[in-house]
Protein backbone atom coordinates (compact mmCIF):
# COMPACT_ATOMS: atom_id res chain seq x y z
CA MET A 1 132.47 28.15 81.76
CA ALA A 2 135.87 27.53 83.30
CA SER A 3 136.60 31.25 83.41
CA MET A 4 133.36 32.04 85.24
CA ASN A 5 133.60 33.56 88.69
CA PRO A 6 133.27 30.63 91.16
CA ALA A 7 130.80 32.56 93.32
CA LEU A 8 128.53 33.21 90.34
CA ARG A 9 128.80 29.60 89.24
CA TYR A 10 127.75 28.51 92.72
CA ARG A 11 124.74 30.87 92.64
CA VAL A 12 123.65 29.62 89.23
CA ILE A 13 123.88 26.00 90.34
CA ARG A 14 122.07 26.77 93.59
CA VAL A 15 119.13 28.51 91.91
CA TYR A 16 118.95 25.67 89.35
CA LYS A 17 118.79 23.06 92.10
CA GLU A 18 116.20 25.05 94.06
CA MET A 19 113.99 25.37 91.02
CA LEU A 20 114.45 21.70 90.18
CA PHE A 21 113.35 20.85 93.71
CA MET A 22 110.29 23.06 93.34
CA GLY A 23 109.41 21.30 90.09
CA ARG A 24 108.35 18.17 91.94
CA GLU A 25 104.93 19.70 92.53
CA TYR A 26 104.52 21.26 89.07
CA PRO A 27 100.99 20.64 87.71
CA GLN A 28 102.16 19.40 84.30
CA GLY A 29 104.61 16.96 85.83
CA TYR A 30 108.20 16.85 86.94
CA ASP A 31 109.55 15.65 83.59
CA TYR A 32 107.92 18.55 81.76
CA PHE A 33 109.30 21.04 84.27
CA LYS A 34 112.77 19.49 84.27
CA THR A 35 113.15 19.61 80.49
CA ARG A 36 111.89 23.20 80.30
CA LEU A 37 114.18 24.29 83.13
CA HIS A 38 117.16 22.61 81.51
CA LYS A 39 116.41 24.31 78.17
CA ALA A 40 116.11 27.70 79.88
CA PHE A 41 119.44 27.37 81.66
CA ASP A 42 121.13 25.76 78.66
CA SER A 43 120.11 28.66 76.43
CA GLN A 44 122.03 31.04 78.71
CA LYS A 45 125.24 29.03 79.07
CA HIS A 46 127.06 31.21 76.54
CA LEU A 47 126.99 34.23 78.89
CA THR A 48 130.40 35.31 80.15
CA ASP A 49 129.78 38.90 81.27
CA GLU A 50 129.17 38.99 85.03
CA SER A 51 126.44 41.62 84.74
CA GLN A 52 124.54 39.49 82.23
CA ILE A 53 124.92 36.44 84.46
CA MET A 54 123.58 38.44 87.42
CA LYS A 55 120.58 39.52 85.33
CA GLY A 56 119.95 35.87 84.49
CA ILE A 57 120.16 34.90 88.16
CA GLU A 58 117.73 37.69 89.09
CA ARG A 59 115.33 36.54 86.39
CA ALA A 60 115.56 32.95 87.68
CA GLU A 61 114.89 34.15 91.24
CA PHE A 62 111.83 36.05 89.99
CA VAL A 63 110.50 32.97 88.19
CA LYS A 64 111.15 30.92 91.33
CA LYS A 65 109.04 33.35 93.37
CA GLU A 66 106.26 33.23 90.78
CA ILE A 67 106.18 29.43 90.89
CA GLU A 68 106.13 29.56 94.67
CA ALA A 69 103.20 32.00 94.55
CA LEU A 70 101.30 29.64 92.26
CA TYR A 71 101.87 26.78 94.69
CA PHE A 72 100.58 28.86 97.60
CA LEU A 73 97.55 29.88 95.56
CA LYS A 74 96.84 26.26 94.69
CA ARG A 75 97.12 25.27 98.34
CA TYR A 76 94.90 28.18 99.42
CA ARG A 77 92.22 27.25 96.89
CA THR A 78 92.31 23.62 97.97
CA LEU A 79 91.93 24.49 101.64
CA ARG A 80 89.20 27.01 100.92
CA HIS A 81 87.31 24.47 98.83
CA ARG A 82 87.56 21.90 101.62
CA TYR A 83 86.40 24.16 104.42
CA ASP A 84 83.79 26.24 102.57
CA ALA A 85 81.77 23.09 101.93
CA PHE A 86 80.76 22.91 105.60
């Protein structure tokens, strides 16, 4: 990991922290999310090729957007349930 491009390392750490922050609201709990996230990133730590690392970052960004969409859907359903009752 010492030979990794510092800019890529920063991006990997940033997306990891952003996803970890998003995990606070995960339905199955923060501990579940944290362990799964750590396993996912840990399984890719052997990558050294910059193009492969970029693909991993893009995949992580996609997953982050999917989680965000699920949170918005959950919030939408909650609000709709509250206000449709009237």
